[in-house]
């Protein structure tokens, strides 16, 4: 049984993980000499925790696209409902519309 080929998303996640680890190790090396080993570990862990929390709270492009799509659907629905109500409540509008469409001469 062969292993499945990694998708583009899997490869991108691996690249981002490697970049994150490189940044974390660089930060650790920078601070280790000044703060000491234990303090640096605690500080780096706190930074990582704050970064993870921020990632959870930030909206992605997919989230924004979903909201935009839902708003477009609602806007179209409201427009259709408003047009129907306008036609129902205004008898002159029905006459005018039928003349424009060529239904009545």
Protein backbone atom coordinates (compact mmCIF):
# COMPACT_ATOMS: atom_id res chain seq x y z
CA UNK A 1 0.00 0.00 0.00
CA UNK A 2 1.46 3.33 -1.04
CA UNK A 3 1.25 6.55 0.89
CA UNK A 4 -0.99 9.25 -0.55
CA UNK A 5 0.73 12.11 -2.36
CA UNK A 6 0.82 15.29 -0.32
CA UNK A 7 -1.52 17.95 -1.57
CA UNK A 8 -0.55 21.55 -2.16
CA UNK A 9 -2.21 22.45 1.14
CA UNK A 10 -0.11 19.85 2.96
CA UNK A 11 3.08 21.14 1.35
CA UNK A 12 2.19 24.75 2.19
CA UNK A 13 1.47 23.78 5.80
CA UNK A 14 4.85 22.03 6.00
CA UNK A 15 6.64 25.08 4.61
CA UNK A 16 4.88 27.38 7.06
CA UNK A 17 5.70 25.02 9.95
CA UNK A 18 9.38 25.03 8.94
CA UNK A 19 9.38 28.83 8.68
CA UNK A 20 7.71 29.13 12.09
CA UNK A 21 10.24 26.76 13.66
CA UNK A 22 13.13 28.69 12.09
CA UNK A 23 11.78 31.95 13.51
CA UNK A 24 11.24 30.36 16.93
CA UNK A 25 14.77 28.96 17.03
CA UNK A 26 16.21 32.30 15.91
CA UNK A 27 14.31 34.11 18.64
CA UNK A 28 15.45 31.54 21.19
CA UNK A 29 19.11 31.93 20.20
CA UNK A 30 18.89 35.72 20.36
CA UNK A 31 17.40 35.80 23.84
CA UNK A 32 19.19 32.85 25.42
CA UNK A 33 22.44 34.69 26.13
CA UNK A 34 20.72 37.69 27.71
CA UNK A 35 17.91 36.01 29.67
CA UNK A 36 19.10 32.50 30.32
CA UNK A 37 17.71 29.16 29.18
CA UNK A 38 14.57 28.84 31.35
CA UNK A 39 13.44 32.43 30.96
CA UNK A 40 13.94 32.30 27.20
CA UNK A 41 11.90 29.10 26.91
CA UNK A 42 9.08 30.67 28.92
CA UNK A 43 9.14 33.84 26.81
CA UNK A 44 9.19 31.98 23.50
CA UNK A 45 6.31 29.75 24.64
CA UNK A 46 4.32 32.83 25.62
CA UNK A 47 4.97 34.39 22.19
CA UNK A 48 3.85 31.19 20.46
CA UNK A 49 0.69 31.03 22.57
CA UNK A 50 -0.20 34.63 21.76
CA UNK A 51 0.48 34.00 18.05
CA UNK A 52 -1.75 30.91 18.02
CA UNK A 53 -4.55 32.82 19.75
CA UNK A 54 -4.23 35.65 17.24
CA UNK A 55 -4.41 33.18 14.33
CA UNK A 56 -7.64 31.74 15.73
CA UNK A 57 -9.25 35.17 16.00
CA UNK A 58 -8.24 36.51 12.59
CA UNK A 59 -10.71 36.11 9.72
CA UNK A 60 -9.35 34.33 6.67
CA UNK A 61 -10.06 35.20 3.06
CA UNK A 62 -12.40 32.21 2.91
CA UNK A 63 -14.35 33.55 5.90
CA UNK A 64 -14.71 36.95 4.27
CA UNK A 65 -15.75 35.41 0.94
CA UNK A 66 -18.42 33.35 2.70
CA UNK A 67 -19.81 36.42 4.45
CA UNK A 68 -19.76 38.39 1.20
CA UNK A 69 -21.63 35.61 -0.64
CA UNK A 70 -24.27 35.40 2.07
CA UNK A 71 -24.76 39.16 1.99
CA UNK A 72 -25.13 39.15 -1.80
CA UNK A 73 -27.80 36.44 -1.60
CA UNK A 74 -29.68 38.34 1.12
CA UNK A 75 -29.47 41.58 -0.86
CA UNK A 76 -30.91 39.94 -3.98
CA UNK A 77 -33.68 38.34 -1.95
CA UNK A 78 -34.57 41.65 -0.29
CA UNK A 79 -34.61 43.38 -3.69
CA UNK A 80 -36.95 40.76 -5.15
CA UNK A 81 -39.26 40.95 -2.13
CA UNK A 82 -39.30 44.75 -2.31
CA UNK A 83 -40.12 44.68 -6.03
CA UNK A 84 -42.96 42.20 -5.48
CA UNK A 85 -44.38 44.28 -2.63
CA UNK A 86 -44.16 47.41 -4.77
CA UNK A 87 -46.07 45.71 -7.56
CA UNK A 88 -48.69 44.26 -5.23
CA UNK A 89 -49.37 47.49 -3.37
CA UNK A 90 -49.33 49.82 -6.39
CA UNK A 91 -51.92 49.01 -9.10
CA UNK A 92 -50.51 51.68 -11.43
CA UNK A 93 -47.15 49.93 -11.33
CA UNK A 94 -48.76 46.71 -12.56
CA UNK A 95 -50.42 48.58 -15.46
CA UNK A 96 -47.16 50.30 -16.36
CA UNK A 97 -45.21 47.04 -16.20
CA UNK A 98 -47.70 45.23 -18.39
CA UNK A 99 -47.51 48.07 -20.97
CA UNK A 100 -43.69 48.00 -20.89
CA UNK A 101 -43.61 44.26 -21.42
CA UNK A 102 -46.14 44.53 -24.24
CA UNK A 103 -48.77 42.40 -22.53
CA UNK A 104 -51.49 45.07 -22.78
CA UNK A 105 -51.94 47.73 -25.46
